[in-house]
Amino acid sequence: MSKSDQVARVLKLAREIAGSGRHISAFYVEHELRSKWGEPLATQVLADPKTKAEIDELCARAIRAKP
C-alpha cells in the first residue's frame, strides 16, 4: 500500500470516528487511531491544521446531534 493510500485510509477512519460522536476533538480521534487501530500515521495526518480543523468540526457536529 502506498503512503498516499495509507494517508487516505487514516483520513477515512478519522472522519468516521469523528462522526460517531464519541470524541470531542481531533486529539482524541488521533489517540483512538493510534491505540485501537494501530495507525502510526495518525499523528502526522492530523498535524495538518486544515485536517485537524475538519476533524474538530466533525466531532462538534456529531456531539451536537446526539440526543
PDB file of N, CA and C in Angstrom:
ATOM      1  N   MET A   1       0.850  -1.176   0.000  1.00  0.00           N
ATOM      2  CA  MET A   1       0.000   0.000   0.000  1.00  0.00           C
ATOM      3  C   MET A   1       0.894   1.237   0.000  1.00  0.00           C
ATOM      4  N   SER A   2       0.593   2.168  -0.899  1.00  0.00           N
ATOM      5  CA  SER A   2       1.406   3.379  -0.986  1.00  0.00           C
ATOM      6  C   SER A   2       1.110   4.305   0.190  1.00  0.00           C
ATOM      7  N   LYS A   3       2.011   5.267   0.394  1.00  0.00           N
ATOM      8  CA  LYS A   3       1.807   6.204   1.508  1.00  0.00           C
ATOM      9  C   LYS A   3       0.534   7.019   1.300  1.00  0.00           C
ATOM     10  N   SER A   4       0.246   7.404   0.066  1.00  0.00           N
ATOM     11  CA  SER A   4      -0.978   8.175  -0.176  1.00  0.00           C
ATOM     12  C   SER A   4      -2.217   7.337   0.120  1.00  0.00           C
ATOM     13  N   ASP A   5      -2.162   6.032  -0.150  1.00  0.00           N
ATOM     14  CA  ASP A   5      -3.271   5.141   0.201  1.00  0.00           C
ATOM     15  C   ASP A   5      -3.419   5.038   1.718  1.00  0.00           C
ATOM     16  N   GLN A   6      -2.302   4.981   2.417  1.00  0.00           N
ATOM     17  CA  GLN A   6      -2.326   4.900   3.879  1.00  0.00           C
ATOM     18  C   GLN A   6      -2.905   6.182   4.473  1.00  0.00           C
ATOM     19  N   VAL A   7      -2.485   7.316   3.937  1.00  0.00           N
ATOM     20  CA  VAL A   7      -2.999   8.608   4.417  1.00  0.00           C
ATOM     21  C   VAL A   7      -4.504   8.685   4.168  1.00  0.00           C
ATOM     22  N   ALA A   8      -4.950   8.258   2.993  1.00  0.00           N
ATOM     23  CA  ALA A   8      -6.380   8.263   2.670  1.00  0.00           C
ATOM     24  C   ALA A   8      -7.146   7.367   3.642  1.00  0.00           C
ATOM     25  N   ARG A   9      -6.566   6.220   3.985  1.00  0.00           N
ATOM     26  CA  ARG A   9      -7.211   5.300   4.925  1.00  0.00           C
ATOM     27  C   ARG A   9      -7.327   5.946   6.309  1.00  0.00           C
ATOM     28  N   VAL A  10      -6.260   6.599   6.759  1.00  0.00           N
ATOM     29  CA  VAL A  10      -6.277   7.269   8.061  1.00  0.00           C
ATOM     30  C   VAL A  10      -7.329   8.384   8.066  1.00  0.00           C
ATOM     31  N   LEU A  11      -7.395   9.164   6.997  1.00  0.00           N
ATOM     32  CA  LEU A  11      -8.388  10.241   6.916  1.00  0.00           C
ATOM     33  C   LEU A  11      -9.809   9.689   6.948  1.00  0.00           C
ATOM     34  N   LYS A  12     -10.045   8.612   6.212  1.00  0.00           N
ATOM     35  CA  LYS A  12     -11.368   7.991   6.194  1.00  0.00           C
ATOM     36  C   LYS A  12     -11.762   7.525   7.595  1.00  0.00           C
ATOM     37  N   LEU A  13     -10.854   6.832   8.262  1.00  0.00           N
ATOM     38  CA  LEU A  13     -11.126   6.365   9.620  1.00  0.00           C
ATOM     39  C   LEU A  13     -11.342   7.538  10.575  1.00  0.00           C
ATOM     40  N   ALA A  14     -10.513   8.569  10.455  1.00  0.00           N
ATOM     41  CA  ALA A  14     -10.638   9.740  11.334  1.00  0.00           C
ATOM     42  C   ALA A  14     -12.000  10.396  11.169  1.00  0.00           C
ATOM     43  N   ARG A  15     -12.457  10.508   9.935  1.00  0.00           N
ATOM     44  CA  ARG A  15     -13.770  11.112   9.684  1.00  0.00           C
ATOM     45  C   ARG A  15     -14.887  10.247  10.269  1.00  0.00           C
ATOM     46  N   GLU A  16     -14.765   8.936  10.111  1.00  0.00           N
ATOM     47  CA  GLU A  16     -15.777   8.027  10.669  1.00  0.00           C
ATOM     48  C   GLU A  16     -15.805   8.109  12.197  1.00  0.00           C
ATOM     49  N   ILE A  17     -14.637   8.112  12.796  1.00  0.00           N
ATOM     50  CA  ILE A  17     -14.558   8.190  14.264  1.00  0.00           C
ATOM     51  C   ILE A  17     -15.114   9.521  14.754  1.00  0.00           C
ATOM     52  N   ALA A  18     -14.723  10.608  14.086  1.00  0.00           N
ATOM     53  CA  ALA A  18     -15.213  11.937  14.489  1.00  0.00           C
ATOM     54  C   ALA A  18     -16.728  12.011  14.353  1.00  0.00           C
ATOM     55  N   GLY A  19     -17.264  11.411  13.318  1.00  0.00           N
ATOM     56  CA  GLY A  19     -18.701  11.440  13.089  1.00  0.00           C
ATOM     57  C   GLY A  19     -19.502  10.567  14.034  1.00  0.00           C
ATOM     58  N   SER A  20     -18.813   9.734  14.789  1.00  0.00           N
ATOM     59  CA  SER A  20     -19.501   8.826  15.711  1.00  0.00           C
ATOM     60  C   SER A  20     -20.021   9.544  16.958  1.00  0.00           C
ATOM     61  N   GLY A  21     -19.443  10.701  17.264  1.00  0.00           N
ATOM     62  CA  GLY A  21     -19.846  11.429  18.456  1.00  0.00           C
ATOM     63  C   GLY A  21     -19.188  10.934  19.733  1.00  0.00           C
ATOM     64  N   ARG A  22     -18.195  10.045  19.597  1.00  0.00           N
ATOM     65  CA  ARG A  22     -17.517   9.507  20.787  1.00  0.00           C
ATOM     66  C   ARG A  22     -16.443  10.446  21.330  1.00  0.00           C
ATOM     67  N   HIS A  23     -15.964  11.367  20.508  1.00  0.00           N
ATOM     68  CA  HIS A  23     -14.840  12.218  20.911  1.00  0.00           C
ATOM     69  C   HIS A  23     -15.156  13.693  20.700  1.00  0.00           C
ATOM     70  N   ILE A  24     -14.513  14.527  21.514  1.00  0.00           N
ATOM     71  CA  ILE A  24     -14.781  15.962  21.445  1.00  0.00           C
ATOM     72  C   ILE A  24     -13.792  16.726  20.570  1.00  0.00           C
ATOM     73  N   SER A  25     -12.691  16.080  20.150  1.00  0.00           N
ATOM     74  CA  SER A  25     -11.720  16.791  19.327  1.00  0.00           C
ATOM     75  C   SER A  25     -10.806  15.829  18.572  1.00  0.00           C
ATOM     76  N   ALA A  26     -10.044  16.409  17.651  1.00  0.00           N
ATOM     77  CA  ALA A  26      -9.094  15.634  16.855  1.00  0.00           C
ATOM     78  C   ALA A  26      -8.052  14.955  17.738  1.00  0.00           C
ATOM     79  N   PHE A  27      -7.727  15.559  18.856  1.00  0.00           N
ATOM     80  CA  PHE A  27      -6.747  14.970  19.771  1.00  0.00           C
ATOM     81  C   PHE A  27      -7.171  13.559  20.175  1.00  0.00           C
ATOM     82  N   TYR A  28      -8.439  13.407  20.540  1.00  0.00           N
ATOM     83  CA  TYR A  28      -8.941  12.109  20.994  1.00  0.00           C
ATOM     84  C   TYR A  28      -9.140  11.140  19.823  1.00  0.00           C
ATOM     85  N   VAL A  29      -9.496  11.673  18.671  1.00  0.00           N
ATOM     86  CA  VAL A  29      -9.593  10.835  17.468  1.00  0.00           C
ATOM     87  C   VAL A  29      -8.215  10.277  17.133  1.00  0.00           C
ATOM     88  N   GLU A  30      -7.207  11.128  17.199  1.00  0.00           N
ATOM     89  CA  GLU A  30      -5.829  10.683  16.948  1.00  0.00           C
ATOM     90  C   GLU A  30      -5.426   9.583  17.926  1.00  0.00           C
ATOM     91  N   HIS A  31      -5.764   9.778  19.179  1.00  0.00           N
ATOM     92  CA  HIS A  31      -5.421   8.775  20.193  1.00  0.00           C
ATOM     93  C   HIS A  31      -6.079   7.435  19.869  1.00  0.00           C
ATOM     94  N   GLU A  32      -7.350   7.457  19.486  1.00  0.00           N
ATOM     95  CA  GLU A  32      -8.026   6.207  19.132  1.00  0.00           C
ATOM     96  C   GLU A  32      -7.380   5.565  17.907  1.00  0.00           C
ATOM     97  N   LEU A  33      -7.044   6.377  16.923  1.00  0.00           N
ATOM     98  CA  LEU A  33      -6.407   5.834  15.720  1.00  0.00           C
ATOM     99  C   LEU A  33      -5.093   5.130  16.053  1.00  0.00           C
ATOM    100  N   ARG A  34      -4.332   5.724  16.951  1.00  0.00           N
ATOM    101  CA  ARG A  34      -3.041   5.125  17.314  1.00  0.00           C
ATOM    102  C   ARG A  34      -3.215   3.909  18.215  1.00  0.00           C
ATOM    103  N   SER A  35      -4.057   4.018  19.234  1.00  0.00           N
ATOM    104  CA  SER A  35      -4.146   2.948  20.231  1.00  0.00           C
ATOM    105  C   SER A  35      -5.020   1.779  19.779  1.00  0.00           C
ATOM    106  N   LYS A  36      -6.183   2.069  19.225  1.00  0.00           N
ATOM    107  CA  LYS A  36      -7.113   1.000  18.850  1.00  0.00           C
ATOM    108  C   LYS A  36      -6.849   0.458  17.453  1.00  0.00           C
ATOM    109  N   TRP A  37      -6.526   1.345  16.527  1.00  0.00           N
ATOM    110  CA  TRP A  37      -6.364   0.955  15.129  1.00  0.00           C
ATOM    111  C   TRP A  37      -4.905   0.742  14.733  1.00  0.00           C
ATOM    112  N   GLY A  38      -3.966   1.117  15.594  1.00  0.00           N
ATOM    113  CA  GLY A  38      -2.549   0.928  15.292  1.00  0.00           C
ATOM    114  C   GLY A  38      -2.062   1.719  14.091  1.00  0.00           C
ATOM    115  N   GLU A  39      -2.582   2.919  13.939  1.00  0.00           N
ATOM    116  CA  GLU A  39      -2.231   3.766  12.796  1.00  0.00           C
ATOM    117  C   GLU A  39      -1.094   4.726  13.153  1.00  0.00           C
ATOM    118  N   PRO A  40       0.133   4.398  12.773  1.00  0.00           N
ATOM    119  CA  PRO A  40       1.262   5.268  13.105  1.00  0.00           C
ATOM    120  C   PRO A  40       1.234   6.616  12.380  1.00  0.00           C
ATOM    121  N   LEU A  41       0.511   6.710  11.277  1.00  0.00           N
ATOM    122  CA  LEU A  41       0.445   7.973  10.529  1.00  0.00           C
ATOM    123  C   LEU A  41      -0.569   8.957  11.112  1.00  0.00           C
ATOM    124  N   ALA A  42      -1.334   8.537  12.109  1.00  0.00           N
ATOM    125  CA  ALA A  42      -2.388   9.384  12.653  1.00  0.00           C
ATOM    126  C   ALA A  42      -1.858  10.739  13.122  1.00  0.00           C
ATOM    127  N   THR A  43      -0.754  10.722  13.830  1.00  0.00           N
ATOM    128  CA  THR A  43      -0.192  11.977  14.352  1.00  0.00           C
ATOM    129  C   THR A  43       0.206  12.899  13.213  1.00  0.00           C
ATOM    130  N   GLN A  44       0.869  12.349  12.217  1.00  0.00           N
ATOM    131  CA  GLN A  44       1.321  13.146  11.076  1.00  0.00           C
ATOM    132  C   GLN A  44       0.133  13.700  10.286  1.00  0.00           C
ATOM    133  N   VAL A  45      -0.855  12.866  10.019  1.00  0.00           N
ATOM    134  CA  VAL A  45      -2.008  13.291   9.220  1.00  0.00           C
ATOM    135  C   VAL A  45      -2.804  14.368   9.948  1.00  0.00           C
ATOM    136  N   LEU A  46      -3.044  14.171  11.240  1.00  0.00           N
ATOM    137  CA  LEU A  46      -3.855  15.122  11.991  1.00  0.00           C
ATOM    138  C   LEU A  46      -3.063  16.346  12.459  1.00  0.00           C
ATOM    139  N   ALA A  47      -1.782  16.392  12.169  1.00  0.00           N
ATOM    140  CA  ALA A  47      -0.979  17.578  12.477  1.00  0.00           C
ATOM    141  C   ALA A  47      -1.264  18.703  11.484  1.00  0.00           C
ATOM    142  N   ASP A  48      -1.799  18.347  10.325  1.00  0.00           N
ATOM    143  CA  ASP A  48      -2.142  19.365   9.331  1.00  0.00           C
ATOM    144  C   ASP A  48      -3.278  20.230   9.877  1.00  0.00           C
ATOM    145  N   PRO A  49      -3.082  21.552   9.934  1.00  0.00           N
ATOM    146  CA  PRO A  49      -4.094  22.423  10.542  1.00  0.00           C
ATOM    147  C   PRO A  49      -5.482  22.318   9.898  1.00  0.00           C
ATOM    148  N   LYS A  50      -5.550  22.194   8.573  1.00  0.00           N
ATOM    149  CA  LYS A  50      -6.850  22.091   7.902  1.00  0.00           C
ATOM    150  C   LYS A  50      -7.538  20.772   8.255  1.00  0.00           C
ATOM    151  N   THR A  51      -6.770  19.704   8.284  1.00  0.00           N
ATOM    152  CA  THR A  51      -7.331  18.396   8.617  1.00  0.00           C
ATOM    153  C   THR A  51      -7.801  18.386  10.070  1.00  0.00           C
ATOM    154  N   LYS A  52      -6.982  18.931  10.964  1.00  0.00           N
ATOM    155  CA  LYS A  52      -7.346  18.988  12.380  1.00  0.00           C
ATOM    156  C   LYS A  52      -8.633  19.784  12.557  1.00  0.00           C
ATOM    157  N   ALA A  53      -8.739  20.917  11.878  1.00  0.00           N
ATOM    158  CA  ALA A  53      -9.947  21.746  11.972  1.00  0.00           C
ATOM    159  C   ALA A  53     -11.176  20.997  11.449  1.00  0.00           C
ATOM    160  N   GLU A  54     -11.003  20.262  10.355  1.00  0.00           N
ATOM    161  CA  GLU A  54     -12.113  19.479   9.803  1.00  0.00           C
ATOM    162  C   GLU A  54     -12.575  18.416  10.807  1.00  0.00           C
ATOM    163  N   ILE A  55     -11.630  17.703  11.405  1.00  0.00           N
ATOM    164  CA  ILE A  55     -11.969  16.647  12.358  1.00  0.00           C
ATOM    165  C   ILE A  55     -12.590  17.249  13.614  1.00  0.00           C
ATOM    166  N   ASP A  56     -12.054  18.371  14.088  1.00  0.00           N
ATOM    167  CA  ASP A  56     -12.657  19.057  15.245  1.00  0.00           C
ATOM    168  C   ASP A  56     -14.112  19.431  14.954  1.00  0.00           C
ATOM    169  N   GLU A  57     -14.366  19.956  13.763  1.00  0.00           N
ATOM    170  CA  GLU A  57     -15.724  20.353  13.388  1.00  0.00           C
ATOM    171  C   GLU A  57     -16.648  19.145  13.287  1.00  0.00           C
ATOM    172  N   LEU A  58     -16.154  18.045  12.701  1.00  0.00           N
ATOM    173  CA  LEU A  58     -16.965  16.826  12.621  1.00  0.00           C
ATOM    174  C   LEU A  58     -17.309  16.311  14.015  1.00  0.00           C
ATOM    175  N   CYS A  59     -16.353  16.361  14.926  1.00  0.00           N
ATOM    176  CA  CYS A  59     -16.605  15.944  16.314  1.00  0.00           C
ATOM    177  C   CYS A  59     -17.687  16.815  16.935  1.00  0.00           C
ATOM    178  N   ALA A  60     -17.557  18.125  16.779  1.00  0.00           N
ATOM    179  CA  ALA A  60     -18.517  19.059  17.368  1.00  0.00           C
ATOM    180  C   ALA A  60     -19.917  18.835  16.818  1.00  0.00           C
ATOM    181  N   ARG A  61     -20.037  18.657  15.494  1.00  0.00           N
ATOM    182  CA  ARG A  61     -21.338  18.413  14.885  1.00  0.00           C
ATOM    183  C   ARG A  61     -21.957  17.121  15.394  1.00  0.00           C
ATOM    184  N   ALA A  62     -21.142  16.083  15.470  1.00  0.00           N
ATOM    185  CA  ALA A  62     -21.645  14.778  15.910  1.00  0.00           C
ATOM    186  C   ALA A  62     -22.129  14.839  17.365  1.00  0.00           C
ATOM    187  N   ILE A  63     -21.400  15.564  18.193  1.00  0.00           N
ATOM    188  CA  ILE A  63     -21.815  15.691  19.588  1.00  0.00           C
ATOM    189  C   ILE A  63     -23.102  16.503  19.711  1.00  0.00           C
ATOM    190  N   ARG A  64     -23.204  17.578  18.939  1.00  0.00           N
ATOM    191  CA  ARG A  64     -24.441  18.394  18.966  1.00  0.00           C
ATOM    192  C   ARG A  64     -25.642  17.585  18.478  1.00  0.00           C
ATOM    193  N   ALA A  65     -25.429  16.656  17.582  1.00  0.00           N
ATOM    194  CA  ALA A  65     -26.522  15.867  17.006  1.00  0.00           C
ATOM    195  C   ALA A  65     -26.979  14.736  17.925  1.00  0.00           C
ATOM    196  N   LYS A  66     -26.191  14.440  18.958  1.00  0.00           N
ATOM    197  CA  LYS A  66     -26.564  13.371  19.889  1.00  0.00           C
ATOM    198  C   LYS A  66     -27.798  13.778  20.674  1.00  0.00           C
ATOM    199  N   PRO A  67     -28.688  12.811  20.899  1.00  0.00           N
ATOM    200  CA  PRO A  67     -29.893  13.125  21.694  1.00  0.00           C
ATOM    201  C   PRO A  67     -29.574  13.401  23.142  1.00  0.00           C
TER     202      PRO A  67
END
